[in-house]
Amino acid sequence: MKLLIKINAGLVEPQLPDKLDFFTSKVSVVIGGELYLFADYSGAKELASDYSVDDYLAAVEAAKPLPPQVIELTNVNVTGEHVTLGAGDIWWLPINEGFTLTANAQLPDMEMMIIIERVVNGSDVIDDLRAKASIVDGLITITSKFVQSGNYQITSERLNAGLEAVNAPFRLAFNKVEFDAYV
């Protein structure tokens, strides 16, 4: 049975109501400014906890950080004067021509930095660039252009690594958005 036994600083063993061997998984905890030993008790004595174990465990659980909310991006679209959706769901566009990427997401109005990776061999990242996204009324808008030909991608894995690094309370879920910028 789990117990919380109020203790004072110093040697713990003389303060215990039974032999030390009967107390396992011992840890000192502070509750309301008081020191307690939280342990599993396996002895024969009928001991009462000095503080409610259920209340303590509930408080520990409540104090755990919530996992970040996962926000799904929907209706992802790319537009521009010469933008076309090519084979493999890759957006084709000429270099130095502006494009606009839009998507819907249940996010508050804000701005965020989007990381666009330049890749070779379909997945080997060799460079990246940044584009600012504007989010207004649940619509994400990114306006940018590629000045160098190549294969570019926006992935949830890379964006979520950045969101984690800045302790954002959410992560994004979407399929990879891929571009081929040509001359």
N, C-alpha and C. Protein backbone atom coordinates (compact mmCIF):
# COMPACT_ATOMS: atom_id res chain seq x y z
N MET A 1 0.85 -1.17 0.00
CA MET A 1 0.00 0.00 0.00
C MET A 1 0.89 1.23 0.00
N LYS A 2 0.43 2.27 -0.68
CA LYS A 2 1.18 3.52 -0.75
C LYS A 2 0.83 4.39 0.45
N LEU A 3 1.87 5.04 0.99
CA LEU A 3 1.69 5.90 2.16
C LEU A 3 2.44 7.21 1.97
N LEU A 4 1.93 8.23 2.60
CA LEU A 4 2.64 9.50 2.75
C LEU A 4 2.84 9.72 4.24
N ILE A 5 4.10 9.68 4.67
CA ILE A 5 4.42 9.82 6.09
C ILE A 5 5.14 11.14 6.29
N LYS A 6 4.59 11.98 7.18
CA LYS A 6 5.20 13.27 7.44
C LYS A 6 6.53 13.05 8.15
N ILE A 7 7.58 13.70 7.64
CA ILE A 7 8.91 13.55 8.24
C ILE A 7 9.53 14.93 8.40
N ASN A 8 10.59 14.96 9.19
CA ASN A 8 11.39 16.16 9.36
C ASN A 8 12.70 15.97 8.62
N ALA A 9 13.42 17.03 8.39
CA ALA A 9 14.73 16.93 7.77
C ALA A 9 15.64 16.10 8.66
N GLY A 10 16.59 15.44 8.04
CA GLY A 10 17.52 14.61 8.80
C GLY A 10 17.33 13.14 8.47
N LEU A 11 17.78 12.29 9.40
CA LEU A 11 17.65 10.85 9.19
C LEU A 11 16.18 10.45 9.17
N VAL A 12 15.81 9.68 8.17
CA VAL A 12 14.41 9.29 7.99
C VAL A 12 14.08 8.04 8.79
N GLU A 13 14.98 7.08 8.84
CA GLU A 13 14.67 5.77 9.45
C GLU A 13 14.11 5.87 10.87
N PRO A 14 14.69 6.69 11.76
CA PRO A 14 14.13 6.75 13.12
C PRO A 14 12.72 7.36 13.17
N GLN A 15 12.31 8.03 12.11
CA GLN A 15 11.00 8.67 12.09
C GLN A 15 9.90 7.74 11.55
N LEU A 16 10.29 6.59 11.02
CA LEU A 16 9.32 5.69 10.40
C LEU A 16 8.59 4.85 11.45
N PRO A 17 7.31 4.55 11.20
CA PRO A 17 6.52 3.76 12.17
C PRO A 17 6.78 2.26 12.08
N ASP A 18 7.67 1.81 11.22
CA ASP A 18 8.02 0.39 11.09
C ASP A 18 9.42 0.32 10.50
N LYS A 19 9.95 -0.90 10.36
CA LYS A 19 11.31 -1.09 9.86
C LYS A 19 11.46 -0.55 8.44
N LEU A 20 12.61 0.02 8.18
CA LEU A 20 12.91 0.62 6.88
C LEU A 20 12.72 -0.37 5.74
N ASP A 21 13.03 -1.65 5.97
CA ASP A 21 12.93 -2.67 4.92
C ASP A 21 11.51 -2.80 4.37
N PHE A 22 10.51 -2.42 5.14
CA PHE A 22 9.12 -2.55 4.70
C PHE A 22 8.68 -1.38 3.81
N PHE A 23 9.55 -0.39 3.63
CA PHE A 23 9.23 0.77 2.80
C PHE A 23 10.09 0.72 1.54
N THR A 24 9.44 0.63 0.40
CA THR A 24 10.17 0.57 -0.88
C THR A 24 9.69 1.71 -1.79
N SER A 25 10.40 1.88 -2.88
CA SER A 25 10.08 2.96 -3.84
C SER A 25 9.93 4.29 -3.11
N LYS A 26 10.89 4.58 -2.25
CA LYS A 26 10.83 5.77 -1.39
C LYS A 26 11.25 7.04 -2.14
N VAL A 27 10.49 8.09 -1.90
CA VAL A 27 10.85 9.39 -2.45
C VAL A 27 10.33 10.47 -1.50
N SER A 28 11.15 11.50 -1.30
CA SER A 28 10.73 12.63 -0.47
C SER A 28 9.94 13.60 -1.33
N VAL A 29 8.81 14.08 -0.80
CA VAL A 29 7.99 15.04 -1.52
C VAL A 29 7.60 16.18 -0.59
N VAL A 30 7.34 17.32 -1.15
CA VAL A 30 6.89 18.48 -0.37
C VAL A 30 5.45 18.76 -0.76
N ILE A 31 4.58 18.80 0.26
CA ILE A 31 3.17 19.10 0.05
C ILE A 31 2.79 20.22 1.00
N GLY A 32 2.36 21.32 0.45
CA GLY A 32 1.96 22.46 1.29
C GLY A 32 3.08 22.93 2.20
N GLY A 33 4.31 22.85 1.74
CA GLY A 33 5.45 23.30 2.53
C GLY A 33 5.94 22.28 3.55
N GLU A 34 5.29 21.13 3.64
CA GLU A 34 5.68 20.08 4.60
C GLU A 34 6.37 18.95 3.86
N LEU A 35 7.32 18.30 4.54
CA LEU A 35 8.09 17.20 3.96
C LEU A 35 7.44 15.87 4.30
N TYR A 36 7.29 15.02 3.27
CA TYR A 36 6.70 13.69 3.44
C TYR A 36 7.57 12.66 2.75
N LEU A 37 7.50 11.43 3.25
CA LEU A 37 8.09 10.29 2.56
C LEU A 37 6.94 9.58 1.85
N PHE A 38 7.06 9.46 0.54
CA PHE A 38 6.06 8.74 -0.25
C PHE A 38 6.67 7.39 -0.57
N ALA A 39 6.00 6.31 -0.16
CA ALA A 39 6.59 4.98 -0.30
C ALA A 39 5.52 3.91 -0.38
N ASP A 40 5.93 2.75 -0.87
CA ASP A 40 5.10 1.54 -0.80
C ASP A 40 5.44 0.86 0.51
N TYR A 41 4.41 0.50 1.27
CA TYR A 41 4.60 -0.16 2.56
C TYR A 41 4.12 -1.60 2.46
N SER A 42 4.98 -2.55 2.92
CA SER A 42 4.62 -3.97 2.84
C SER A 42 4.65 -4.66 4.20
N GLY A 43 4.74 -3.89 5.26
CA GLY A 43 4.76 -4.48 6.61
C GLY A 43 3.37 -4.92 7.07
N ALA A 44 3.33 -5.48 8.30
CA ALA A 44 2.08 -6.02 8.84
C ALA A 44 1.29 -5.00 9.66
N LYS A 45 1.90 -3.91 10.04
CA LYS A 45 1.19 -2.91 10.84
C LYS A 45 0.11 -2.21 10.02
N GLU A 46 -0.93 -1.80 10.70
CA GLU A 46 -1.99 -1.03 10.04
C GLU A 46 -1.64 0.45 10.19
N LEU A 47 -1.07 0.98 9.12
CA LEU A 47 -0.62 2.37 9.15
C LEU A 47 -1.57 3.25 8.35
N ALA A 48 -1.74 4.45 8.81
CA ALA A 48 -2.56 5.43 8.09
C ALA A 48 -1.64 6.47 7.48
N SER A 49 -1.97 6.88 6.30
CA SER A 49 -1.20 7.92 5.63
C SER A 49 -1.44 9.26 6.32
N ASP A 50 -0.38 10.08 6.41
CA ASP A 50 -0.51 11.40 7.02
C ASP A 50 -1.11 12.43 6.05
N TYR A 51 -1.23 12.04 4.80
CA TYR A 51 -1.84 12.90 3.79
C TYR A 51 -2.51 11.97 2.79
N SER A 52 -3.61 12.39 2.21
CA SER A 52 -4.35 11.54 1.27
C SER A 52 -3.49 11.21 0.04
N VAL A 53 -3.21 9.93 -0.14
CA VAL A 53 -2.44 9.48 -1.29
C VAL A 53 -3.21 9.80 -2.58
N ASP A 54 -4.52 9.59 -2.57
CA ASP A 54 -5.33 9.89 -3.76
C ASP A 54 -5.24 11.37 -4.14
N ASP A 55 -5.32 12.25 -3.15
CA ASP A 55 -5.22 13.68 -3.43
C ASP A 55 -3.84 14.04 -3.97
N TYR A 56 -2.80 13.43 -3.38
CA TYR A 56 -1.44 13.70 -3.83
C TYR A 56 -1.26 13.24 -5.28
N LEU A 57 -1.69 12.01 -5.59
CA LEU A 57 -1.53 11.48 -6.94
C LEU A 57 -2.35 12.29 -7.95
N ALA A 58 -3.52 12.75 -7.55
CA ALA A 58 -4.34 13.59 -8.44
C ALA A 58 -3.63 14.91 -8.72
N ALA A 59 -3.00 15.49 -7.70
CA ALA A 59 -2.28 16.75 -7.88
C ALA A 59 -1.07 16.56 -8.79
N VAL A 60 -0.37 15.43 -8.64
CA VAL A 60 0.77 15.13 -9.50
C VAL A 60 0.30 15.00 -10.95
N GLU A 61 -0.80 14.29 -11.15
CA GLU A 61 -1.33 14.11 -12.50
C GLU A 61 -1.77 15.44 -13.10
N ALA A 62 -2.42 16.26 -12.31
CA ALA A 62 -2.91 17.56 -12.80
C ALA A 62 -1.75 18.49 -13.15
N ALA A 63 -0.61 18.31 -12.49
CA ALA A 63 0.54 19.19 -12.73
C ALA A 63 1.32 18.80 -13.99
N LYS A 64 1.04 17.62 -14.54
CA LYS A 64 1.75 17.19 -15.74
C LYS A 64 1.35 18.09 -16.90
N PRO A 65 2.32 18.48 -17.71
CA PRO A 65 1.97 19.33 -18.86
C PRO A 65 1.12 18.55 -19.85
N LEU A 66 0.16 19.24 -20.43
CA LEU A 66 -0.68 18.61 -21.44
C LEU A 66 0.10 18.47 -22.73
N PRO A 67 -0.15 17.39 -23.46
CA PRO A 67 0.53 17.27 -24.76
C PRO A 67 0.03 18.37 -25.69
N PRO A 68 0.87 18.80 -26.61
CA PRO A 68 0.44 19.86 -27.52
C PRO A 68 -0.76 19.41 -28.36
N GLN A 69 -1.65 20.33 -28.63
CA GLN A 69 -2.80 20.05 -29.48
C GLN A 69 -2.32 19.88 -30.92
N VAL A 70 -2.85 18.88 -31.62
CA VAL A 70 -2.49 18.66 -33.02
C VAL A 70 -3.56 19.31 -33.89
N ILE A 71 -3.12 20.25 -34.73
CA ILE A 71 -4.01 21.00 -35.61
C ILE A 71 -3.81 20.49 -37.04
N GLU A 72 -4.91 20.07 -37.66
CA GLU A 72 -4.83 19.56 -39.03
C GLU A 72 -4.98 20.70 -40.03
N LEU A 73 -4.09 20.73 -41.01
CA LEU A 73 -4.22 21.68 -42.11
C LEU A 73 -5.06 21.03 -43.20
N THR A 74 -6.04 21.77 -43.70
CA THR A 74 -6.90 21.25 -44.77
C THR A 74 -6.91 22.23 -45.93
N ASN A 75 -7.41 21.76 -47.05
CA ASN A 75 -7.55 22.59 -48.26
C ASN A 75 -6.25 23.29 -48.64
N VAL A 76 -5.15 22.55 -48.59
CA VAL A 76 -3.86 23.12 -48.97
C VAL A 76 -3.87 23.37 -50.48
N ASN A 77 -3.50 24.59 -50.88
CA ASN A 77 -3.52 24.95 -52.30
C ASN A 77 -2.38 25.92 -52.59
N VAL A 78 -1.86 25.85 -53.79
CA VAL A 78 -0.81 26.77 -54.23
C VAL A 78 -1.29 27.43 -55.52
N THR A 79 -1.18 28.76 -55.56
CA THR A 79 -1.59 29.50 -56.75
C THR A 79 -0.47 30.43 -57.18
N GLY A 80 -0.51 30.79 -58.43
CA GLY A 80 0.44 31.71 -59.03
C GLY A 80 0.19 31.73 -60.53
N GLU A 81 0.76 32.70 -61.23
CA GLU A 81 0.46 32.85 -62.65
C GLU A 81 0.78 31.60 -63.46
N HIS A 82 1.89 30.94 -63.18
CA HIS A 82 2.28 29.75 -63.95
C HIS A 82 2.42 28.51 -63.07
N VAL A 83 1.76 28.48 -61.93
CA VAL A 83 1.82 27.33 -61.02
C VAL A 83 0.88 26.25 -61.53
N THR A 84 1.39 25.02 -61.62
CA THR A 84 0.55 23.87 -61.97
C THR A 84 0.86 22.73 -61.03
N LEU A 85 -0.13 21.88 -60.84
CA LEU A 85 0.07 20.68 -60.02
C LEU A 85 0.50 19.57 -60.96
N GLY A 86 1.76 19.15 -60.83
CA GLY A 86 2.33 18.17 -61.73
C GLY A 86 2.25 16.75 -61.19
N ALA A 87 2.98 15.87 -61.85
CA ALA A 87 3.02 14.46 -61.46
C ALA A 87 3.48 14.32 -60.02
N GLY A 88 2.91 13.34 -59.32
CA GLY A 88 3.29 13.07 -57.94
C GLY A 88 2.82 14.12 -56.96
N ASP A 89 1.81 14.90 -57.35
CA ASP A 89 1.29 15.97 -56.50
C ASP A 89 2.38 16.98 -56.12
N ILE A 90 3.26 17.25 -57.07
CA ILE A 90 4.32 18.24 -56.88
C ILE A 90 3.92 19.51 -57.62
N TRP A 91 4.00 20.64 -56.91
CA TRP A 91 3.66 21.93 -57.51
C TRP A 91 4.84 22.40 -58.36
N TRP A 92 4.58 22.64 -59.66
CA TRP A 92 5.60 23.12 -60.59
C TRP A 92 5.44 24.62 -60.76
N LEU A 93 6.58 25.33 -60.71
CA LEU A 93 6.53 26.78 -60.93
C LEU A 93 7.89 27.28 -61.37
N PRO A 94 7.90 28.34 -62.19
CA PRO A 94 9.17 28.90 -62.62
C PRO A 94 9.87 29.62 -61.47
N ILE A 95 11.21 29.64 -61.54
CA ILE A 95 11.95 30.39 -60.52
C ILE A 95 11.63 31.87 -60.66
N ASN A 96 11.83 32.59 -59.58
CA ASN A 96 11.61 34.04 -59.51
C ASN A 96 10.17 34.46 -59.76
N GLU A 97 9.24 33.52 -59.69
CA GLU A 97 7.83 33.88 -59.83
C GLU A 97 7.13 33.65 -58.50
N GLY A 98 6.42 34.66 -58.08
CA GLY A 98 5.72 34.56 -56.80
C GLY A 98 4.63 33.50 -56.80
N PHE A 99 4.42 32.91 -55.64
CA PHE A 99 3.32 31.97 -55.46
C PHE A 99 2.69 32.24 -54.10
N THR A 100 1.48 31.77 -53.95
CA THR A 100 0.77 31.88 -52.68
C THR A 100 0.27 30.51 -52.28
N LEU A 101 0.66 30.08 -51.10
CA LEU A 101 0.17 28.83 -50.53
C LEU A 101 -0.87 29.18 -49.48
N THR A 102 -2.03 28.52 -49.55
CA THR A 102 -3.07 28.73 -48.55
C THR A 102 -3.50 27.39 -47.98
N ALA A 103 -3.98 27.43 -46.75
CA ALA A 103 -4.51 26.24 -46.08
C ALA A 103 -5.42 26.71 -44.96
N ASN A 104 -6.34 25.85 -44.59
CA ASN A 104 -7.22 26.14 -43.46
C ASN A 104 -6.71 25.42 -42.22
N ALA A 105 -6.81 26.10 -41.07
CA ALA A 105 -6.41 25.50 -39.79
C ALA A 105 -7.11 26.25 -38.67
N GLN A 106 -7.50 25.52 -37.66
CA GLN A 106 -8.15 26.12 -36.49
C GLN A 106 -7.07 26.70 -35.57
N LEU A 107 -6.53 27.83 -35.99
CA LEU A 107 -5.49 28.52 -35.22
C LEU A 107 -5.92 29.96 -35.00
N PRO A 108 -5.45 30.57 -33.92
CA PRO A 108 -5.75 31.99 -33.70
C PRO A 108 -5.01 32.86 -34.71
N ASP A 109 -5.45 34.08 -34.86
CA ASP A 109 -4.77 35.02 -35.74
C ASP A 109 -3.35 35.25 -35.21
N MET A 110 -2.37 35.07 -36.09
CA MET A 110 -0.97 35.25 -35.70
C MET A 110 -0.10 35.16 -36.94
N GLU A 111 1.19 35.31 -36.74
CA GLU A 111 2.17 35.06 -37.78
C GLU A 111 3.10 33.98 -37.28
N MET A 112 3.63 33.19 -38.20
CA MET A 112 4.63 32.20 -37.82
C MET A 112 5.60 32.01 -38.97
N MET A 113 6.79 31.54 -38.62
CA MET A 113 7.82 31.33 -39.61
C MET A 113 7.70 29.90 -40.14
N ILE A 114 7.72 29.77 -41.47
CA ILE A 114 7.62 28.48 -42.13
C ILE A 114 8.99 28.13 -42.70
N ILE A 115 9.41 26.91 -42.48
CA ILE A 115 10.70 26.44 -42.97
C ILE A 115 10.46 25.62 -44.23
N ILE A 116 11.05 26.08 -45.33
CA ILE A 116 10.95 25.37 -46.61
C ILE A 116 12.33 24.77 -46.87
N GLU A 117 12.37 23.46 -47.03
CA GLU A 117 13.64 22.76 -47.22
C GLU A 117 13.91 22.53 -48.71
N ARG A 118 15.14 22.75 -49.11
CA ARG A 118 15.58 22.40 -50.47
C ARG A 118 16.20 21.01 -50.37
N VAL A 119 15.77 20.11 -51.26
CA VAL A 119 16.21 18.71 -51.17
C VAL A 119 16.78 18.24 -52.50
N VAL A 120 17.61 17.20 -52.41
CA VAL A 120 18.07 16.46 -53.58
C VAL A 120 17.74 15.00 -53.34
N ASN A 121 17.67 14.25 -54.40
CA ASN A 121 17.34 12.82 -54.33
C ASN A 121 16.00 12.58 -53.63
N GLY A 122 15.13 13.55 -53.68
CA GLY A 122 13.78 13.39 -53.14
C GLY A 122 13.64 13.57 -51.65
N SER A 123 14.77 13.49 -50.89
CA SER A 123 14.61 13.61 -49.44
C SER A 123 15.83 14.14 -48.70
N ASP A 124 16.97 14.25 -49.35
CA ASP A 124 18.17 14.72 -48.66
C ASP A 124 18.18 16.25 -48.60
N VAL A 125 18.00 16.78 -47.40
CA VAL A 125 17.93 18.23 -47.23
C VAL A 125 19.33 18.83 -47.39
N ILE A 126 19.44 19.81 -48.29
CA ILE A 126 20.73 20.47 -48.51
C ILE A 126 20.71 21.94 -48.10
N ASP A 127 19.53 22.49 -47.90
CA ASP A 127 19.42 23.90 -47.55
C ASP A 127 18.00 24.16 -47.09
N ASP A 128 17.78 25.31 -46.50
CA ASP A 128 16.40 25.70 -46.19
C ASP A 128 16.26 27.20 -46.29
N LEU A 129 15.03 27.62 -46.41
CA LEU A 129 14.74 29.05 -46.42
C LEU A 129 13.50 29.29 -45.59
N ARG A 130 13.29 30.53 -45.24
CA ARG A 130 12.18 30.89 -44.36
C ARG A 130 11.18 31.76 -45.12
N ALA A 131 9.91 31.54 -44.80
CA ALA A 131 8.83 32.38 -45.32
C ALA A 131 7.87 32.65 -44.18
N LYS A 132 7.39 33.88 -44.10
CA LYS A 132 6.47 34.23 -43.03
C LYS A 132 5.05 33.86 -43.44
N ALA A 133 4.36 33.17 -42.54
CA ALA A 133 2.95 32.82 -42.76
C ALA A 133 2.09 33.76 -41.94
N SER A 134 1.00 34.18 -42.55
CA SER A 134 0.01 35.00 -41.86
C SER A 134 -1.22 34.13 -41.65
N ILE A 135 -1.74 34.12 -40.43
CA ILE A 135 -2.93 33.34 -40.12
C ILE A 135 -4.01 34.31 -39.67
N VAL A 136 -5.09 34.38 -40.44
CA VAL A 136 -6.21 35.27 -40.15
C VAL A 136 -7.51 34.50 -40.38
N ASP A 137 -8.35 34.49 -39.36
CA ASP A 137 -9.66 33.81 -39.44
C ASP A 137 -9.53 32.36 -39.92
N GLY A 138 -8.50 31.66 -39.44
CA GLY A 138 -8.33 30.25 -39.77
C GLY A 138 -7.73 29.98 -41.14
N LEU A 139 -7.30 31.02 -41.84
CA LEU A 139 -6.68 30.86 -43.16
C LEU A 139 -5.19 31.18 -43.06
N ILE A 140 -4.37 30.19 -43.39
CA ILE A 140 -2.92 30.38 -43.43
C ILE A 140 -2.55 30.83 -44.83
N THR A 141 -1.75 31.89 -44.93
CA THR A 141 -1.32 32.40 -46.23
C THR A 141 0.19 32.60 -46.20
N ILE A 142 0.86 31.99 -47.19
CA ILE A 142 2.31 32.15 -47.35
C ILE A 142 2.53 32.66 -48.76
N THR A 143 3.23 33.78 -48.88
CA THR A 143 3.58 34.31 -50.19
C THR A 143 5.09 34.31 -50.29
N SER A 144 5.60 33.67 -51.36
CA SER A 144 7.05 33.57 -51.50
C SER A 144 7.41 33.33 -52.96
N LYS A 145 8.69 33.08 -53.21
CA LYS A 145 9.18 32.68 -54.53
C LYS A 145 10.50 31.95 -54.34
N PHE A 146 10.85 31.15 -55.31
CA PHE A 146 12.12 30.44 -55.29
C PHE A 146 13.05 31.11 -56.30
N VAL A 147 14.25 31.46 -55.87
CA VAL A 147 15.20 32.14 -56.76
C VAL A 147 16.20 31.16 -57.38
N GLN A 148 16.13 29.92 -56.95
CA GLN A 148 17.04 28.90 -57.47
C GLN A 148 16.21 27.69 -57.87
N SER A 149 16.55 27.07 -59.01
CA SER A 149 15.79 25.89 -59.42
C SER A 149 16.10 24.75 -58.46
N GLY A 150 15.16 23.85 -58.35
CA GLY A 150 15.36 22.70 -57.48
C GLY A 150 14.05 22.19 -56.91
N ASN A 151 14.20 21.19 -56.06
CA ASN A 151 13.06 20.54 -55.40
C ASN A 151 12.99 21.07 -53.97
N TYR A 152 11.81 21.55 -53.58
CA TYR A 152 11.59 22.13 -52.26
C TYR A 152 10.43 21.40 -51.58
N GLN A 153 10.44 21.40 -50.25
CA GLN A 153 9.35 20.75 -49.52
C GLN A 153 9.06 21.48 -48.21
N ILE A 154 7.80 21.38 -47.81
CA ILE A 154 7.37 21.82 -46.48
C ILE A 154 6.79 20.58 -45.82
N THR A 155 7.37 20.19 -44.67
CA THR A 155 6.90 18.98 -43.99
C THR A 155 6.45 19.29 -42.57
N SER A 156 5.49 18.50 -42.12
CA SER A 156 5.03 18.67 -40.74
C SER A 156 6.14 18.31 -39.76
N GLU A 157 6.98 17.34 -40.11
CA GLU A 157 8.06 16.95 -39.20
C GLU A 157 8.99 18.12 -38.91
N ARG A 158 9.40 18.84 -39.96
CA ARG A 158 10.33 19.96 -39.77
C ARG A 158 9.65 21.13 -39.06
N LEU A 159 8.42 21.44 -39.46
CA LEU A 159 7.73 22.55 -38.79
C LEU A 159 7.48 22.22 -37.33
N ASN A 160 7.09 20.98 -37.04
CA ASN A 160 6.81 20.60 -35.65
C ASN A 160 8.07 20.61 -34.80
N ALA A 161 9.23 20.29 -35.39
CA ALA A 161 10.48 20.40 -34.63
C ALA A 161 10.72 21.85 -34.22
N GLY A 162 10.43 22.78 -35.12
CA GLY A 162 10.55 24.19 -34.78
C GLY A 162 9.53 24.63 -33.75
N LEU A 163 8.29 24.16 -33.88
CA LEU A 163 7.25 24.50 -32.91
C LEU A 163 7.61 23.98 -31.52
N GLU A 164 8.19 22.78 -31.49
CA GLU A 164 8.61 22.22 -30.20
C GLU A 164 9.74 23.06 -29.59
N ALA A 165 10.67 23.49 -30.43
CA ALA A 165 11.81 24.27 -29.94
C ALA A 165 11.38 25.60 -29.31
N VAL A 166 10.28 26.16 -29.80
CA VAL A 166 9.80 27.44 -29.24
C VAL A 166 8.65 27.23 -28.25
N ASN A 167 8.45 25.99 -27.83
CA ASN A 167 7.41 25.64 -26.85
C ASN A 167 6.00 26.07 -27.27
N ALA A 168 5.70 25.95 -28.54
CA ALA A 168 4.34 26.27 -29.01
C ALA A 168 3.37 25.23 -28.44
N PRO A 169 2.15 25.63 -28.12
CA PRO A 169 1.18 24.71 -27.52
C PRO A 169 0.47 23.83 -28.54
N PHE A 170 0.94 23.82 -29.78
CA PHE A 170 0.29 23.02 -30.81
C PHE A 170 1.33 22.44 -31.76
N ARG A 171 0.91 21.43 -32.52
CA ARG A 171 1.70 20.86 -33.60
C ARG A 171 0.78 20.81 -34.82
N LEU A 172 1.37 20.69 -36.00
CA LEU A 172 0.60 20.69 -37.24
C LEU A 172 0.61 19.31 -37.88
N ALA A 173 -0.52 18.94 -38.48
CA ALA A 173 -0.64 17.67 -39.20
C ALA A 173 -1.04 17.99 -40.64
N PHE A 174 -0.20 17.57 -41.59
CA PHE A 174 -0.53 17.76 -43.00
C PHE A 174 0.41 16.90 -43.83
N ASN A 175 -0.01 16.63 -45.07
CA ASN A 175 0.85 15.90 -46.00
C ASN A 175 1.92 16.85 -46.52
N LYS A 176 3.05 16.28 -46.87
CA LYS A 176 4.16 17.08 -47.40
C LYS A 176 3.68 17.90 -48.60
N VAL A 177 4.09 19.17 -48.63
CA VAL A 177 3.84 20.04 -49.77
C VAL A 177 5.17 20.15 -50.51
N GLU A 178 5.16 19.75 -51.78
CA GLU A 178 6.41 19.67 -52.53
C GLU A 178 6.35 20.55 -53.77
N PHE A 179 7.49 21.17 -54.09
CA PHE A 179 7.58 22.08 -55.23
C PHE A 179 8.76 21.67 -56.10
N ASP A 180 8.62 21.86 -57.42
CA ASP A 180 9.74 21.82 -58.35
C ASP A 180 9.81 23.20 -58.99
N ALA A 181 10.88 23.93 -58.69
CA ALA A 181 11.10 25.24 -59.28
C ALA A 181 12.03 25.05 -60.47
N TYR A 182 11.59 25.52 -61.63
CA TYR A 182 12.36 25.27 -62.85
C TYR A 182 12.76 26.58 -63.53
N VAL A 183 13.77 26.47 -64.44
CA VAL A 183 14.24 27.64 -65.18
C VAL A 183 13.48 27.79 -66.48
